[in-house]
């Protein structure tokens, strides 16, 4: 009996020791602890300006895009991206040797989610071939590639023979509607003053049966366009005409208005960084895509035909082309929609956490309105335009069982 009692005591002590070790192994102090990121780029307040620069329809590499101390050069595909640290209106400049420099407005609206973007694309135009204007001879100057506008320089307008250029180019988009350009010209040498007035004429693309109303002459003043007067329609010559007293950047076109017509979103891409169950923090490049561009809703020629039924087919075709060019001047780039790369940089994720980044395209509808002179009266015309305005980004975080924020939620 004594041996049995002894063995019972030994077994009891062994079991107690085993249970004691088990309890120690399950103590809170030995639970794995996830690494928490203290400076997460995804939490920073940053907004992007992104777009594409072209020469005609071709991507333009090496363009310097800059605003408010930030700058970037366009890649081989013409795309660029700038990171801004607050909302507001930015004046963005596009510059490349041999091209007319352009400035445009980028508006990051209040309520734009951080890590979101706005779209701003621009077409640049190479400088035209210089011509020599004689001091004692009348000279007609125009851009041979487009020939929408002409300068009639009379003898005596310059004091001596002067080499000048006149380049028709696409002005940049502005935050406030001012005018839709029929022709915008860059003239050098900048600041040249004439001894006699120089007449500028802008061709009306159709017959004189219809013309744009309220065509104005503007001069670029800093980052804005200053109205200088009217460019009157001369029905006999079928042109819009006014006088210049010197060289600058000049623009000629009708006043227009824009009103909101709704908005929507489209799914673009989703990036998931699944770090659940892993205690070390993780890093990953977050790349997606952005839709850029704009397009007229409907067939412009047919819409014009419904509004101006007495016009010939050739007039309707020419009017559609000129109105499309005028709308293009308010956008800074030609009609068309495409996708470009979009990057949020390197994201950091806590240990035992999953982060999902959803990117949606913002699509705005607007009504573009302009007036025409037609059959002895002013007739308004409106067309709806869809514009891809940028990317809206939503970041959702989900914590695992060991993460302090277990359950997670939408971060922004």
Protein backbone atom coordinates (compact mmCIF):
# COMPACT_ATOMS: atom_id res chain seq x y z
CA UNK A 1 0.00 0.00 0.00
CA UNK A 2 2.82 2.37 0.72
CA UNK A 3 4.26 1.80 -2.79
CA UNK A 4 0.89 2.59 -4.36
CA UNK A 5 0.62 5.82 -2.42
CA UNK A 6 4.14 6.79 -3.41
CA UNK A 7 3.43 6.26 -7.13
CA UNK A 8 0.18 8.21 -6.83
CA UNK A 9 2.06 11.14 -5.33
CA UNK A 10 4.68 11.06 -8.10
CA UNK A 11 1.98 10.99 -10.82
CA UNK A 12 0.13 13.88 -9.19
CA UNK A 13 3.27 15.99 -9.04
CA UNK A 14 4.03 15.26 -12.73
CA UNK A 15 0.54 16.20 -13.81
CA UNK A 16 0.72 19.45 -11.85
CA UNK A 17 4.04 20.32 -13.46
CA UNK A 18 2.64 19.58 -16.93
CA UNK A 19 -0.41 21.77 -16.35
CA UNK A 20 1.82 24.54 -14.98
CA UNK A 21 3.97 24.54 -18.13
CA UNK A 22 0.84 24.57 -20.29
CA UNK A 23 -0.56 27.64 -18.55
CA UNK A 24 2.71 29.52 -18.88
CA UNK A 25 2.83 28.80 -22.65
CA UNK A 26 -0.62 30.36 -23.09
CA UNK A 27 0.06 33.52 -21.14
CA UNK A 28 -0.64 36.96 -22.79
CA UNK A 29 3.04 37.83 -22.58
CA UNK A 30 3.87 35.17 -25.18
CA UNK A 31 1.17 36.18 -27.72
CA UNK A 32 2.69 37.37 -31.05
CA UNK A 33 2.40 41.16 -31.51
CA UNK A 34 1.84 42.67 -34.99
CA UNK A 35 4.17 45.43 -36.16
CA UNK A 36 2.27 48.73 -36.46
CA UNK A 37 3.26 51.24 -39.14
CA UNK A 38 3.71 54.69 -37.61
CA UNK A 39 4.19 56.69 -40.84
CA UNK A 40 1.91 55.19 -43.47
CA UNK A 41 1.97 56.94 -46.88
CA UNK A 42 -1.66 55.93 -47.42
CA UNK A 43 -2.68 58.04 -44.42
CA UNK A 44 -1.08 61.22 -45.73
CA UNK A 45 -3.09 64.07 -47.21
CA UNK A 46 -1.99 64.11 -50.84
CA UNK A 47 -3.81 64.81 -54.10
CA UNK A 48 -2.56 64.11 -57.60
CA UNK A 49 -2.68 66.03 -60.86
CA UNK A 50 -2.22 63.58 -63.71
CA UNK A 51 -2.58 63.59 -67.46
CA UNK A 52 -0.93 63.27 -70.85
CA UNK A 53 0.87 65.71 -73.14
CA UNK A 54 0.72 65.27 -76.90
CA UNK A 55 1.94 66.82 -80.13
CA UNK A 56 -1.08 66.31 -82.33
CA UNK A 57 -2.07 62.73 -81.59
CA UNK A 58 1.48 61.60 -80.69
CA UNK A 59 2.74 61.31 -77.11
CA UNK A 60 5.28 64.01 -76.25
CA UNK A 61 8.18 63.00 -73.99
CA UNK A 62 10.32 65.35 -71.90
CA UNK A 63 7.79 68.13 -71.33
CA UNK A 64 8.40 70.03 -68.09
CA UNK A 65 5.11 70.12 -66.15
CA UNK A 66 5.22 72.33 -63.08
CA UNK A 67 3.14 74.15 -60.48
CA UNK A 68 3.67 75.57 -56.99
CA UNK A 69 7.23 74.33 -56.69
CA UNK A 70 6.41 70.80 -57.89
CA UNK A 71 7.55 69.55 -61.29
CA UNK A 72 7.77 66.42 -63.39
CA UNK A 73 8.78 65.50 -66.92
CA UNK A 74 6.51 63.52 -69.18
CA UNK A 75 7.46 59.89 -69.79
CA UNK A 76 7.84 58.22 -73.18
CA UNK A 77 4.07 57.75 -73.32
CA UNK A 78 3.51 61.47 -72.62
CA UNK A 79 2.09 60.91 -69.13
CA UNK A 80 2.97 62.78 -65.94
CA UNK A 81 1.84 62.93 -62.32
CA UNK A 82 2.26 65.65 -59.67
CA UNK A 83 1.61 65.18 -55.93
CA UNK A 84 0.05 68.17 -54.16
CA UNK A 85 -0.44 68.51 -50.40
CA UNK A 86 -3.69 70.51 -50.31
CA UNK A 87 -6.84 71.29 -52.24
CA UNK A 88 -7.16 74.44 -54.34
CA UNK A 89 -6.62 75.83 -57.83
CA UNK A 90 -3.17 75.36 -59.35
CA UNK A 91 -1.75 77.04 -62.44
CA UNK A 92 0.12 74.28 -64.28
CA UNK A 93 2.67 75.18 -66.95
CA UNK A 94 3.75 72.94 -69.83
CA UNK A 95 7.12 73.75 -71.43
CA UNK A 96 9.48 72.15 -73.93
CA UNK A 97 12.14 73.68 -76.16
CA UNK A 98 10.83 74.37 -79.64
CA UNK A 99 7.18 74.45 -78.50
CA UNK A 100 4.77 77.18 -77.46
CA UNK A 101 4.52 77.16 -73.67
CA UNK A 102 1.03 76.81 -72.21
CA UNK A 103 -0.54 77.33 -68.78
CA UNK A 104 -3.74 75.66 -67.60
CA UNK A 105 -5.80 75.52 -64.41
CA UNK A 106 -6.05 72.37 -62.30
CA UNK A 107 -8.82 72.56 -59.70
CA UNK A 108 -8.77 70.16 -56.73
CA UNK A 109 -12.22 70.66 -55.27
CA UNK A 110 -13.11 70.66 -51.61
CA UNK A 111 -14.28 67.17 -50.68
CA UNK A 112 -11.81 65.41 -52.98
CA UNK A 113 -10.65 62.32 -51.03
CA UNK A 114 -6.97 62.18 -50.18
CA UNK A 115 -5.00 59.90 -52.50
CA UNK A 116 -7.42 60.93 -55.27
CA UNK A 117 -6.54 62.72 -58.48
CA UNK A 118 -7.76 65.19 -61.07
CA UNK A 119 -7.11 64.96 -64.79
CA UNK A 120 -5.30 67.63 -66.82
CA UNK A 121 -4.01 66.88 -70.32
CA UNK A 122 -2.54 69.29 -72.84
CA UNK A 123 -1.58 69.35 -76.51
CA UNK A 124 1.52 71.37 -77.36
CA UNK A 125 2.40 72.89 -80.74
CA UNK A 126 5.89 73.28 -82.19
CA UNK A 127 6.90 76.78 -83.23
CA UNK A 128 6.14 77.76 -86.81
CA UNK A 129 8.81 78.61 -89.37
CA UNK A 130 9.95 82.25 -89.07
CA UNK A 131 9.27 84.70 -91.90
CA UNK A 132 10.84 88.07 -92.63
CA UNK A 133 8.55 91.09 -92.65
CA UNK A 134 9.86 93.97 -94.74
CA UNK A 135 9.75 97.53 -93.45
CA UNK A 136 8.64 98.88 -96.84
CA UNK A 137 6.34 96.15 -98.16
CA UNK A 138 2.91 94.75 -97.27
CA UNK A 139 3.21 91.19 -95.90
CA UNK A 140 0.68 88.46 -95.12
CA UNK A 141 1.76 86.16 -92.29
CA UNK A 142 0.13 82.88 -91.25
CA UNK A 143 0.92 79.44 -89.88
CA UNK A 144 1.23 77.24 -92.99
CA UNK A 145 0.14 74.13 -91.07
CA UNK A 146 -3.28 75.48 -90.11
CA UNK A 147 -3.91 78.81 -91.86
CA UNK A 148 -7.03 79.72 -89.87
CA UNK A 149 -5.75 83.19 -88.91
CA UNK A 150 -3.81 85.71 -91.01
CA UNK A 151 -1.88 88.85 -90.12
CA UNK A 152 -1.94 91.62 -92.72
CA UNK A 153 1.19 93.66 -91.93
CA UNK A 154 1.23 96.94 -93.90
CA UNK A 155 4.39 98.64 -95.14
CA UNK A 156 5.77 100.83 -92.37
CA UNK A 157 4.35 98.71 -89.54
CA UNK A 158 7.90 97.72 -88.52
CA UNK A 159 10.85 100.10 -88.52
CA UNK A 160 13.23 97.59 -90.10
CA UNK A 161 13.10 94.17 -91.67
CA UNK A 162 12.04 91.83 -88.83
CA UNK A 163 11.99 88.05 -88.55
CA UNK A 164 8.75 86.96 -86.91
CA UNK A 165 6.78 83.79 -86.23
CA UNK A 166 3.06 83.29 -85.91
CA UNK A 167 2.13 79.91 -84.43
CA UNK A 168 -1.48 78.76 -84.02
CA UNK A 169 -1.66 76.62 -80.90
CA UNK A 170 -4.10 75.11 -78.39
CA UNK A 171 -4.57 77.19 -75.25
CA UNK A 172 -4.88 75.56 -71.84
CA UNK A 173 -8.10 74.84 -69.95
CA UNK A 174 -9.19 77.50 -67.46
CA UNK A 175 -11.20 77.16 -64.26
CA UNK A 176 -13.65 79.87 -65.32
CA UNK A 177 -15.26 79.88 -68.76
CA UNK A 178 -14.10 82.88 -70.82
CA UNK A 179 -14.02 82.05 -74.51
CA UNK A 180 -13.85 79.12 -76.89
CA UNK A 181 -11.05 79.91 -79.29
CA UNK A 182 -11.41 79.76 -83.06
CA UNK A 183 -7.72 80.65 -83.28
CA UNK A 184 -5.04 81.26 -80.64
CA UNK A 185 -1.74 82.63 -81.89
CA UNK A 186 1.72 82.97 -80.39
CA UNK A 187 3.66 85.82 -82.01
CA UNK A 188 7.37 86.56 -81.71
CA UNK A 189 9.31 88.64 -80.99
CA UNK A 190 7.07 89.02 -77.95
CA UNK A 191 6.33 92.65 -77.09
CA UNK A 192 7.01 93.99 -80.59
CA UNK A 193 5.02 97.21 -81.12
CA UNK A 194 3.76 98.22 -84.55
CA UNK A 195 4.09 101.66 -86.10
CA UNK A 196 0.80 101.01 -87.93
CA UNK A 197 -2.15 98.79 -86.95
CA UNK A 198 -1.97 95.20 -88.14
CA UNK A 199 -5.23 93.52 -89.09
CA UNK A 200 -5.83 89.95 -88.01
CA UNK A 201 -8.54 87.88 -89.69
CA UNK A 202 -9.89 84.49 -88.62
CA UNK A 203 -11.63 82.39 -91.25
CA UNK A 204 -15.25 81.36 -90.84
CA UNK A 205 -15.24 77.67 -91.74
CA UNK A 206 -18.71 77.70 -93.31
CA UNK A 207 -20.40 79.95 -95.84
CA UNK A 208 -21.60 83.26 -94.43
CA UNK A 209 -25.04 81.73 -93.90
CA UNK A 210 -24.04 81.11 -90.28
CA UNK A 211 -21.38 82.54 -87.98
CA UNK A 212 -20.47 82.58 -84.30
CA UNK A 213 -21.97 85.43 -82.27
CA UNK A 214 -20.07 87.36 -79.58
CA UNK A 215 -16.60 86.69 -80.99
CA UNK A 216 -14.03 88.53 -78.86
CA UNK A 217 -10.33 89.36 -79.02
CA UNK A 218 -8.30 88.33 -75.95
CA UNK A 219 -4.67 88.87 -74.94
CA UNK A 220 -2.92 86.57 -72.48
CA UNK A 221 -2.20 88.51 -69.30
CA UNK A 222 -0.21 86.46 -66.82
CA UNK A 223 -2.21 83.28 -66.31
CA UNK A 224 -5.51 84.68 -67.60
CA UNK A 225 -7.00 85.97 -70.85
CA UNK A 226 -7.90 89.66 -70.89
CA UNK A 227 -10.69 90.78 -73.20
CA UNK A 228 -9.54 93.52 -75.59
CA UNK A 229 -12.65 94.03 -77.72
CA UNK A 230 -14.69 92.36 -80.42
CA UNK A 231 -13.61 90.51 -83.55
CA UNK A 232 -16.37 91.64 -85.89
CA UNK A 233 -17.80 89.33 -88.52
CA UNK A 234 -17.19 90.59 -92.06
CA UNK A 235 -19.80 88.79 -94.17
CA UNK A 236 -18.29 89.92 -97.48
CA UNK A 237 -14.91 88.36 -96.68
CA UNK A 238 -16.46 85.69 -94.43
CA UNK A 239 -13.95 86.35 -91.65
CA UNK A 240 -13.78 87.69 -88.10
CA UNK A 241 -11.52 90.74 -88.03
CA UNK A 242 -9.85 93.10 -85.57
CA UNK A 243 -6.62 95.09 -85.22
CA UNK A 244 -3.43 94.45 -83.27
CA UNK A 245 -0.99 97.09 -82.07
CA UNK A 246 1.70 94.66 -80.99
CA UNK A 247 2.77 91.06 -80.46
CA UNK A 248 1.72 88.85 -77.59
CA UNK A 249 -0.36 85.70 -77.27
CA UNK A 250 -3.73 86.55 -78.85
CA UNK A 251 -6.93 84.52 -78.96
CA UNK A 252 -10.16 85.02 -80.92
CA UNK A 253 -13.40 83.23 -80.23
CA UNK A 254 -16.96 83.28 -78.91
CA UNK A 255 -18.00 83.62 -75.31
CA UNK A 256 -19.57 80.38 -74.05
CA UNK A 257 -21.17 79.01 -70.90
CA UNK A 258 -21.05 75.66 -69.13
CA UNK A 259 -23.58 74.12 -66.74
CA UNK A 260 -23.44 70.87 -64.78
CA UNK A 261 -25.50 68.00 -66.15
CA UNK A 262 -24.71 65.28 -63.60
CA UNK A 263 -21.88 62.94 -62.70
CA UNK A 264 -21.15 59.25 -62.20
CA UNK A 265 -18.32 56.89 -61.31
CA UNK A 266 -16.85 53.84 -63.04
CA UNK A 267 -14.79 51.04 -61.51
CA UNK A 268 -11.15 51.20 -62.58
CA UNK A 269 -9.02 48.88 -60.49
CA UNK A 270 -8.64 47.33 -57.05
CA UNK A 271 -5.36 46.65 -55.26
CA UNK A 272 -5.36 44.31 -52.24
CA UNK A 273 -2.44 43.94 -49.83
CA UNK A 274 -3.25 40.89 -47.69
CA UNK A 275 -0.93 40.77 -44.67
CA UNK A 276 -3.29 38.90 -42.35
CA UNK A 277 -1.63 36.37 -40.09
CA UNK A 278 1.82 37.86 -40.61
CA UNK A 279 3.25 39.87 -37.75
CA UNK A 280 5.81 41.90 -39.72
CA UNK A 281 4.65 45.03 -41.56
CA UNK A 282 4.58 44.84 -45.36
CA UNK A 283 5.28 47.27 -48.21
CA UNK A 284 3.92 47.23 -51.76
CA UNK A 285 3.83 49.55 -54.76
CA UNK A 286 0.25 50.57 -55.52
CA UNK A 287 -0.34 51.06 -59.22
CA UNK A 288 -3.61 51.35 -61.07
CA UNK A 289 -5.00 53.30 -63.96
CA UNK A 290 -6.80 56.54 -64.63
CA UNK A 291 -9.23 57.45 -67.39
CA UNK A 292 -8.58 60.76 -69.11
CA UNK A 293 -10.22 62.71 -71.88
CA UNK A 294 -13.62 63.91 -73.01
CA UNK A 295 -16.20 63.24 -75.70
CA UNK A 296 -19.28 64.87 -77.15
CA UNK A 297 -22.49 63.01 -76.42
CA UNK A 298 -24.14 62.28 -79.76
CA UNK A 299 -23.26 63.06 -83.37
CA UNK A 300 -22.36 66.76 -83.50
CA UNK A 301 -23.21 67.14 -87.20
CA UNK A 302 -26.66 65.63 -86.67
CA UNK A 303 -27.30 67.81 -83.63
CA UNK A 304 -26.36 70.91 -85.62
CA UNK A 305 -28.55 69.73 -88.49
CA UNK A 306 -31.55 69.57 -86.17
CA UNK A 307 -30.91 73.11 -84.95
CA UNK A 308 -30.01 74.66 -88.34
CA UNK A 309 -32.01 72.69 -90.87
CA UNK A 310 -31.52 75.13 -93.77
CA UNK A 311 -27.73 74.69 -93.85
CA UNK A 312 -26.14 72.64 -96.61
CA UNK A 313 -24.43 69.35 -95.86
CA UNK A 314 -21.01 70.91 -96.46
CA UNK A 315 -21.80 73.80 -94.12
CA UNK A 316 -22.92 71.37 -91.41
CA UNK A 317 -19.72 69.34 -91.81
CA UNK A 318 -17.53 72.46 -91.62
CA UNK A 319 -19.52 73.91 -88.70
CA UNK A 320 -19.21 70.64 -86.76
CA UNK A 321 -15.44 70.64 -87.29
CA UNK A 322 -15.04 74.27 -86.21
CA UNK A 323 -17.29 73.89 -83.17
CA UNK A 324 -15.39 70.75 -82.16
CA UNK A 325 -12.13 72.72 -82.43
CA UNK A 326 -13.63 75.52 -80.33
CA UNK A 327 -14.68 73.05 -77.61
CA UNK A 328 -11.22 71.47 -77.80
CA UNK A 329 -9.71 74.87 -76.98
CA UNK A 330 -11.59 74.87 -73.66
CA UNK A 331 -10.27 71.40 -72.78
CA UNK A 332 -6.63 71.75 -73.82
CA UNK A 333 -6.59 68.42 -75.65
CA UNK A 334 -8.46 66.74 -78.49
CA UNK A 335 -11.57 64.62 -77.97
CA UNK A 336 -11.03 60.99 -77.03
CA UNK A 337 -10.89 58.80 -73.92
CA UNK A 338 -8.03 56.55 -72.86
CA UNK A 339 -6.44 54.98 -69.80
CA UNK A 340 -3.07 56.00 -68.39
CA UNK A 341 -1.02 54.60 -65.48
CA UNK A 342 -1.75 55.96 -62.01
CA UNK A 343 0.41 55.40 -58.92
CA UNK A 344 -0.05 55.94 -55.19
CA UNK A 345 3.59 55.06 -54.56
CA UNK A 346 4.67 52.63 -51.83
CA UNK A 347 1.97 51.59 -49.36
CA UNK A 348 2.79 50.26 -45.89
CA UNK A 349 0.54 47.78 -44.11
CA UNK A 350 0.54 46.77 -40.44
CA UNK A 351 1.22 43.24 -39.38
CA UNK A 352 -1.95 41.09 -39.35
CA UNK A 353 -3.85 43.56 -41.55
CA UNK A 354 -5.41 43.59 -45.00
CA UNK A 355 -5.75 46.82 -46.98
CA UNK A 356 -7.96 47.18 -50.04
CA UNK A 357 -7.60 50.20 -52.35
CA UNK A 358 -10.47 50.82 -54.75
CA UNK A 359 -9.99 53.30 -57.60
CA UNK A 360 -12.99 54.73 -59.44
CA UNK A 361 -13.11 57.07 -62.42
CA UNK A 362 -15.01 60.33 -61.95
CA UNK A 363 -17.10 61.19 -65.01
CA UNK A 364 -18.73 64.62 -65.23
CA UNK A 365 -21.45 65.63 -67.66
CA UNK A 366 -21.78 69.27 -68.68
CA UNK A 367 -23.78 71.33 -71.13
CA UNK A 368 -21.68 73.55 -73.40
CA UNK A 369 -23.63 76.51 -74.85
CA UNK A 370 -22.68 79.05 -77.52
CA UNK A 371 -24.60 81.50 -79.73
CA UNK A 372 -24.71 81.67 -83.54
CA UNK A 373 -25.86 84.34 -85.99
CA UNK A 374 -28.35 82.53 -88.22
CA UNK A 375 -31.06 83.84 -90.52
CA UNK A 376 -30.85 87.35 -89.11
CA UNK A 377 -31.09 86.40 -85.44
CA UNK A 378 -29.01 85.04 -82.57
CA UNK A 379 -29.69 81.34 -82.01
CA UNK A 380 -28.32 79.50 -78.93
CA UNK A 381 -26.94 76.00 -79.33
CA UNK A 382 -26.02 73.50 -76.62
CA UNK A 383 -24.29 70.14 -76.62
CA UNK A 384 -23.58 67.71 -73.79
CA UNK A 385 -19.99 66.73 -73.03
CA UNK A 386 -18.69 63.87 -70.87
CA UNK A 387 -15.34 64.54 -69.19
CA UNK A 388 -13.25 62.13 -67.13
CA UNK A 389 -12.20 64.33 -64.23
CA UNK A 390 -9.87 62.04 -62.25
CA UNK A 391 -9.72 59.17 -59.76
CA UNK A 392 -11.58 58.78 -56.49
CA UNK A 393 -9.73 56.48 -54.10
CA UNK A 394 -11.26 54.53 -51.19
CA UNK A 395 -8.97 52.70 -48.74
CA UNK A 396 -10.42 49.95 -46.52
CA UNK A 397 -8.44 48.38 -43.65
CA UNK A 398 -9.23 45.04 -42.00
CA UNK A 399 -7.36 43.94 -38.87
CA UNK A 400 -6.81 40.32 -37.90
CA UNK A 401 -7.47 38.81 -34.47
CA UNK A 402 -4.16 40.05 -33.06
CA UNK A 403 -4.40 43.53 -34.57
CA UNK A 404 -5.43 46.38 -32.21
CA UNK A 405 -8.03 47.53 -34.75
CA UNK A 406 -9.54 44.08 -35.23
CA UNK A 407 -12.49 44.36 -37.62
CA UNK A 408 -11.20 47.38 -39.53
CA UNK A 409 -13.27 49.65 -41.74
CA UNK A 410 -13.09 52.32 -44.41
CA UNK A 411 -10.11 54.59 -43.82
CA UNK A 412 -11.27 57.29 -46.23
